Amino acid sequence: MNNVKGYEQGESHFDGGLFQLIGWTLLGGIVTICTLGIAYPWALCRIYGWRINHTIIDGRRLRFTGSAVGLFGQWIKWLLLCIITLGIYVFWVQIALEKWRVKHTHFE
C-alpha cells in the first residue's frame, strides 16, 4: 500500500485550502449562470474533484475520476424522470448524485 509522503497509515487528513474552495465555487457559479445551468455538471465535477483529490484516508489519497460528460448524461436522465413523475423523482436525485460521486471515487 502506497502512503502519501508525510502521512502514516491510519492517518486521515484534508489538505485543501480555503481560497481554492472559494475560487472553484465562484468559477462554478459564474459558468453555471452564464450557460443557464447547462454547465452545472461541470461545476459539480470540479468541486467534487477538488474535495476528493485533497482527501487522505488512512495515509492514502483519494482520486475522483468522474467527468462532466458522464454526469451530464445522468443529469438528462434524472431531469426526464423528474418530468415524467411530475417532480416526485427530485427526492431521489440527491441520492443518485451521491451514488454517482462515490462510484467515481477511488484510492490512488
N, C-alpha and C. Protein backbone atom coordinates (compact mmCIF):
# COMPACT_ATOMS: atom_id res chain seq x y z
N MET A 1 0.86 -1.17 0.00
CA MET A 1 0.00 0.00 0.00
C MET A 1 0.90 1.23 0.00
N ASN A 2 0.64 2.16 -0.93
CA ASN A 2 1.43 3.37 -1.04
C ASN A 2 0.81 4.49 -0.22
N ASN A 3 1.53 4.94 0.77
CA ASN A 3 1.08 6.05 1.58
C ASN A 3 1.54 7.35 0.96
N VAL A 4 0.77 8.41 1.19
CA VAL A 4 1.15 9.72 0.74
C VAL A 4 2.35 10.17 1.57
N LYS A 5 3.33 10.78 0.91
CA LYS A 5 4.54 11.22 1.61
C LYS A 5 4.16 12.15 2.77
N GLY A 6 4.64 11.85 3.94
CA GLY A 6 4.39 12.65 5.12
C GLY A 6 3.19 12.19 5.94
N TYR A 7 2.47 11.19 5.46
CA TYR A 7 1.30 10.70 6.19
C TYR A 7 1.47 9.22 6.49
N GLU A 8 1.19 8.85 7.72
CA GLU A 8 1.32 7.47 8.16
C GLU A 8 0.02 6.71 7.89
N GLN A 9 0.15 5.39 7.78
CA GLN A 9 -1.05 4.55 7.64
C GLN A 9 -1.93 4.77 8.86
N GLY A 10 -3.22 4.88 8.66
CA GLY A 10 -4.16 5.12 9.75
C GLY A 10 -4.45 6.59 9.96
N GLU A 11 -3.68 7.47 9.33
CA GLU A 11 -3.89 8.90 9.49
C GLU A 11 -4.78 9.43 8.36
N SER A 12 -5.80 10.18 8.71
CA SER A 12 -6.67 10.80 7.72
C SER A 12 -6.53 12.30 7.81
N HIS A 13 -6.62 12.95 6.65
CA HIS A 13 -6.31 14.38 6.60
C HIS A 13 -6.95 15.00 5.37
N PHE A 14 -7.23 16.28 5.42
CA PHE A 14 -7.69 17.05 4.27
C PHE A 14 -6.69 18.18 4.06
N ASP A 15 -6.13 18.30 2.84
CA ASP A 15 -5.08 19.29 2.62
C ASP A 15 -5.46 20.39 1.62
N GLY A 16 -6.74 20.62 1.44
CA GLY A 16 -7.19 21.70 0.56
C GLY A 16 -7.22 23.02 1.31
N GLY A 17 -7.19 24.12 0.56
CA GLY A 17 -7.19 25.44 1.16
C GLY A 17 -8.48 26.21 0.91
N LEU A 18 -8.76 27.18 1.76
CA LEU A 18 -9.97 27.98 1.68
C LEU A 18 -10.07 28.74 0.36
N PHE A 19 -8.98 29.36 -0.06
CA PHE A 19 -9.02 30.17 -1.28
C PHE A 19 -9.26 29.30 -2.52
N GLN A 20 -8.78 28.08 -2.51
CA GLN A 20 -9.05 27.17 -3.62
C GLN A 20 -10.55 26.86 -3.68
N LEU A 21 -11.15 26.58 -2.53
CA LEU A 21 -12.58 26.29 -2.48
C LEU A 21 -13.39 27.49 -2.95
N ILE A 22 -13.04 28.67 -2.48
CA ILE A 22 -13.74 29.88 -2.90
C ILE A 22 -13.60 30.07 -4.41
N GLY A 23 -12.41 29.87 -4.94
CA GLY A 23 -12.17 30.02 -6.37
C GLY A 23 -13.00 29.06 -7.20
N TRP A 24 -12.98 27.76 -6.86
CA TRP A 24 -13.75 26.78 -7.61
C TRP A 24 -15.25 27.03 -7.50
N THR A 25 -15.71 27.45 -6.31
CA THR A 25 -17.12 27.73 -6.12
C THR A 25 -17.57 28.94 -6.94
N LEU A 26 -16.79 30.00 -6.91
CA LEU A 26 -17.12 31.19 -7.70
C LEU A 26 -17.09 30.89 -9.20
N LEU A 27 -16.03 30.21 -9.65
CA LEU A 27 -15.92 29.88 -11.06
C LEU A 27 -17.09 28.99 -11.49
N GLY A 28 -17.40 27.99 -10.69
CA GLY A 28 -18.52 27.11 -11.00
C GLY A 28 -19.84 27.86 -11.07
N GLY A 29 -20.05 28.77 -10.14
CA GLY A 29 -21.28 29.56 -10.13
C GLY A 29 -21.38 30.47 -11.34
N ILE A 30 -20.28 31.14 -11.68
CA ILE A 30 -20.28 32.04 -12.84
C ILE A 30 -20.53 31.27 -14.13
N VAL A 31 -19.84 30.14 -14.30
CA VAL A 31 -20.02 29.33 -15.51
C VAL A 31 -21.44 28.78 -15.58
N THR A 32 -21.98 28.35 -14.46
CA THR A 32 -23.35 27.83 -14.44
C THR A 32 -24.35 28.91 -14.83
N ILE A 33 -24.19 30.09 -14.28
CA ILE A 33 -25.10 31.19 -14.60
C ILE A 33 -24.97 31.60 -16.07
N CYS A 34 -23.73 31.72 -16.55
CA CYS A 34 -23.52 32.15 -17.94
C CYS A 34 -24.04 31.14 -18.96
N THR A 35 -24.11 29.86 -18.59
CA THR A 35 -24.61 28.83 -19.52
C THR A 35 -26.05 28.43 -19.19
N LEU A 36 -26.71 29.23 -18.35
CA LEU A 36 -28.11 28.97 -17.96
C LEU A 36 -28.29 27.57 -17.37
N GLY A 37 -27.29 27.10 -16.63
CA GLY A 37 -27.39 25.83 -15.93
C GLY A 37 -26.86 24.63 -16.69
N ILE A 38 -26.55 24.79 -17.96
CA ILE A 38 -26.08 23.65 -18.76
C ILE A 38 -24.74 23.13 -18.24
N ALA A 39 -23.90 24.02 -17.74
CA ALA A 39 -22.58 23.61 -17.27
C ALA A 39 -22.57 23.25 -15.78
N TYR A 40 -23.73 23.11 -15.17
CA TYR A 40 -23.77 22.75 -13.75
C TYR A 40 -23.06 21.42 -13.47
N PRO A 41 -23.23 20.38 -14.30
CA PRO A 41 -22.48 19.15 -14.06
C PRO A 41 -20.97 19.37 -14.08
N TRP A 42 -20.49 20.27 -14.94
CA TRP A 42 -19.05 20.58 -14.98
C TRP A 42 -18.63 21.20 -13.65
N ALA A 43 -19.43 22.15 -13.16
CA ALA A 43 -19.11 22.81 -11.88
C ALA A 43 -19.10 21.80 -10.74
N LEU A 44 -20.08 20.90 -10.70
CA LEU A 44 -20.10 19.88 -9.66
C LEU A 44 -18.86 19.00 -9.72
N CYS A 45 -18.48 18.60 -10.93
CA CYS A 45 -17.29 17.74 -11.08
C CYS A 45 -16.03 18.45 -10.61
N ARG A 46 -15.90 19.73 -10.88
CA ARG A 46 -14.72 20.49 -10.44
C ARG A 46 -14.67 20.54 -8.91
N ILE A 47 -15.80 20.83 -8.28
CA ILE A 47 -15.82 20.94 -6.82
C ILE A 47 -15.66 19.57 -6.17
N TYR A 48 -16.36 18.55 -6.69
CA TYR A 48 -16.17 17.19 -6.17
C TYR A 48 -14.71 16.77 -6.30
N GLY A 49 -14.14 17.00 -7.48
CA GLY A 49 -12.75 16.63 -7.72
C GLY A 49 -11.81 17.32 -6.74
N TRP A 50 -12.02 18.60 -6.51
CA TRP A 50 -11.16 19.34 -5.59
C TRP A 50 -11.26 18.75 -4.18
N ARG A 51 -12.47 18.52 -3.71
CA ARG A 51 -12.65 17.99 -2.35
C ARG A 51 -12.06 16.58 -2.21
N ILE A 52 -12.38 15.72 -3.15
CA ILE A 52 -11.94 14.33 -3.06
C ILE A 52 -10.44 14.21 -3.27
N ASN A 53 -9.89 14.93 -4.24
CA ASN A 53 -8.45 14.83 -4.54
C ASN A 53 -7.57 15.40 -3.43
N HIS A 54 -8.15 16.17 -2.53
CA HIS A 54 -7.39 16.72 -1.40
C HIS A 54 -7.66 15.95 -0.10
N THR A 55 -8.28 14.78 -0.21
CA THR A 55 -8.60 13.97 0.97
C THR A 55 -7.67 12.77 1.06
N ILE A 56 -7.13 12.56 2.25
CA ILE A 56 -6.25 11.43 2.52
C ILE A 56 -6.92 10.59 3.62
N ILE A 57 -7.15 9.31 3.33
CA ILE A 57 -7.78 8.39 4.29
C ILE A 57 -6.78 7.27 4.58
N ASP A 58 -6.51 7.04 5.84
CA ASP A 58 -5.55 6.00 6.25
C ASP A 58 -4.23 6.12 5.50
N GLY A 59 -3.78 7.35 5.30
CA GLY A 59 -2.49 7.58 4.64
C GLY A 59 -2.54 7.45 3.13
N ARG A 60 -3.70 7.19 2.55
CA ARG A 60 -3.84 7.02 1.09
C ARG A 60 -4.74 8.12 0.53
N ARG A 61 -4.26 8.75 -0.54
CA ARG A 61 -5.02 9.83 -1.17
C ARG A 61 -6.16 9.26 -2.00
N LEU A 62 -7.30 9.95 -1.95
CA LEU A 62 -8.44 9.59 -2.79
C LEU A 62 -8.29 10.29 -4.14
N ARG A 63 -8.89 9.71 -5.16
CA ARG A 63 -8.86 10.28 -6.52
C ARG A 63 -10.27 10.24 -7.10
N PHE A 64 -10.71 11.37 -7.65
CA PHE A 64 -12.02 11.44 -8.29
C PHE A 64 -11.85 11.26 -9.79
N THR A 65 -12.61 10.31 -10.37
CA THR A 65 -12.45 10.00 -11.79
C THR A 65 -13.69 10.35 -12.61
N GLY A 66 -14.66 11.00 -12.01
CA GLY A 66 -15.88 11.36 -12.74
C GLY A 66 -15.62 12.46 -13.75
N SER A 67 -16.43 12.48 -14.79
CA SER A 67 -16.29 13.53 -15.81
C SER A 67 -17.61 14.27 -15.97
N ALA A 68 -17.51 15.51 -16.41
CA ALA A 68 -18.71 16.33 -16.63
C ALA A 68 -19.60 15.72 -17.71
N VAL A 69 -18.99 15.11 -18.72
CA VAL A 69 -19.77 14.49 -19.80
C VAL A 69 -20.59 13.33 -19.25
N GLY A 70 -19.96 12.49 -18.43
CA GLY A 70 -20.67 11.37 -17.82
C GLY A 70 -21.79 11.83 -16.91
N LEU A 71 -21.54 12.87 -16.13
CA LEU A 71 -22.56 13.39 -15.23
C LEU A 71 -23.68 14.06 -16.02
N PHE A 72 -23.34 14.72 -17.12
CA PHE A 72 -24.36 15.38 -17.93
C PHE A 72 -25.38 14.38 -18.46
N GLY A 73 -24.89 13.21 -18.89
CA GLY A 73 -25.81 12.16 -19.35
C GLY A 73 -26.76 11.72 -18.25
N GLN A 74 -26.23 11.55 -17.05
CA GLN A 74 -27.07 11.19 -15.90
C GLN A 74 -28.06 12.31 -15.59
N TRP A 75 -27.58 13.55 -15.68
CA TRP A 75 -28.39 14.72 -15.36
C TRP A 75 -29.62 14.77 -16.28
N ILE A 76 -29.43 14.50 -17.57
CA ILE A 76 -30.54 14.49 -18.53
C ILE A 76 -31.54 13.40 -18.15
N LYS A 77 -31.02 12.21 -17.82
CA LYS A 77 -31.89 11.10 -17.41
C LYS A 77 -32.71 11.48 -16.18
N TRP A 78 -32.06 12.08 -15.19
CA TRP A 78 -32.75 12.47 -13.96
C TRP A 78 -33.79 13.55 -14.24
N LEU A 79 -33.47 14.48 -15.13
CA LEU A 79 -34.41 15.53 -15.48
C LEU A 79 -35.66 14.93 -16.13
N LEU A 80 -35.46 13.99 -17.05
CA LEU A 80 -36.59 13.33 -17.69
C LEU A 80 -37.44 12.57 -16.68
N LEU A 81 -36.79 11.87 -15.74
CA LEU A 81 -37.53 11.16 -14.71
C LEU A 81 -38.33 12.11 -13.82
N CYS A 82 -37.77 13.29 -13.55
CA CYS A 82 -38.49 14.29 -12.75
C CYS A 82 -39.72 14.78 -13.51
N ILE A 83 -39.58 14.98 -14.82
CA ILE A 83 -40.72 15.44 -15.63
C ILE A 83 -41.80 14.37 -15.69
N ILE A 84 -41.37 13.11 -15.96
CA ILE A 84 -42.33 12.01 -16.08
C ILE A 84 -43.10 11.78 -14.78
N THR A 85 -42.42 11.92 -13.65
CA THR A 85 -43.06 11.65 -12.35
C THR A 85 -43.65 12.92 -11.73
N LEU A 86 -43.76 13.97 -12.53
CA LEU A 86 -44.32 15.25 -12.05
C LEU A 86 -43.55 15.80 -10.84
N GLY A 87 -42.23 15.62 -10.85
CA GLY A 87 -41.38 16.17 -9.80
C GLY A 87 -41.08 15.26 -8.64
N ILE A 88 -41.74 14.14 -8.56
CA ILE A 88 -41.54 13.25 -7.41
C ILE A 88 -40.11 12.71 -7.38
N TYR A 89 -39.54 12.44 -8.56
CA TYR A 89 -38.19 11.86 -8.59
C TYR A 89 -37.12 12.80 -8.04
N VAL A 90 -37.44 14.07 -7.90
CA VAL A 90 -36.45 15.03 -7.39
C VAL A 90 -35.94 14.60 -6.01
N PHE A 91 -36.77 13.88 -5.25
CA PHE A 91 -36.34 13.41 -3.93
C PHE A 91 -35.24 12.36 -4.03
N TRP A 92 -35.16 11.65 -5.15
CA TRP A 92 -34.15 10.61 -5.34
C TRP A 92 -32.91 11.12 -6.06
N VAL A 93 -32.97 12.31 -6.63
CA VAL A 93 -31.83 12.82 -7.40
C VAL A 93 -30.61 12.99 -6.50
N GLN A 94 -30.78 13.50 -5.31
CA GLN A 94 -29.63 13.71 -4.41
C GLN A 94 -28.96 12.38 -4.07
N ILE A 95 -29.75 11.33 -3.87
CA ILE A 95 -29.18 10.01 -3.59
C ILE A 95 -28.47 9.48 -4.83
N ALA A 96 -29.09 9.63 -6.00
CA ALA A 96 -28.47 9.18 -7.24
C ALA A 96 -27.16 9.92 -7.50
N LEU A 97 -27.14 11.21 -7.21
CA LEU A 97 -25.91 12.01 -7.38
C LEU A 97 -24.82 11.54 -6.43
N GLU A 98 -25.18 11.23 -5.20
CA GLU A 98 -24.21 10.73 -4.22
C GLU A 98 -23.66 9.37 -4.65
N LYS A 99 -24.53 8.50 -5.15
CA LYS A 99 -24.07 7.19 -5.65
C LYS A 99 -23.10 7.37 -6.82
N TRP A 100 -23.41 8.31 -7.72
CA TRP A 100 -22.53 8.58 -8.86
C TRP A 100 -21.16 9.07 -8.38
N ARG A 101 -21.17 10.00 -7.40
CA ARG A 101 -19.92 10.56 -6.87
C ARG A 101 -19.07 9.47 -6.23
N VAL A 102 -19.68 8.63 -5.41
CA VAL A 102 -18.94 7.57 -4.72
C VAL A 102 -18.42 6.53 -5.72
N LYS A 103 -19.20 6.23 -6.75
CA LYS A 103 -18.78 5.28 -7.79
C LYS A 103 -17.50 5.76 -8.50
N HIS A 104 -17.30 7.07 -8.54
CA HIS A 104 -16.12 7.62 -9.23
C HIS A 104 -15.05 8.11 -8.26
N THR A 105 -15.06 7.59 -7.04
CA THR A 105 -14.04 7.92 -6.04
C THR A 105 -13.23 6.66 -5.74
N HIS A 106 -11.92 6.76 -5.86
CA HIS A 106 -11.03 5.62 -5.69
C HIS A 106 -9.79 6.04 -4.91
N PHE A 107 -9.08 5.04 -4.37
CA PHE A 107 -7.76 5.30 -3.80
C PHE A 107 -6.76 5.38 -4.93
N GLU A 108 -5.79 6.29 -4.79
CA GLU A 108 -4.72 6.39 -5.78
C GLU A 108 -3.88 5.16 -5.77
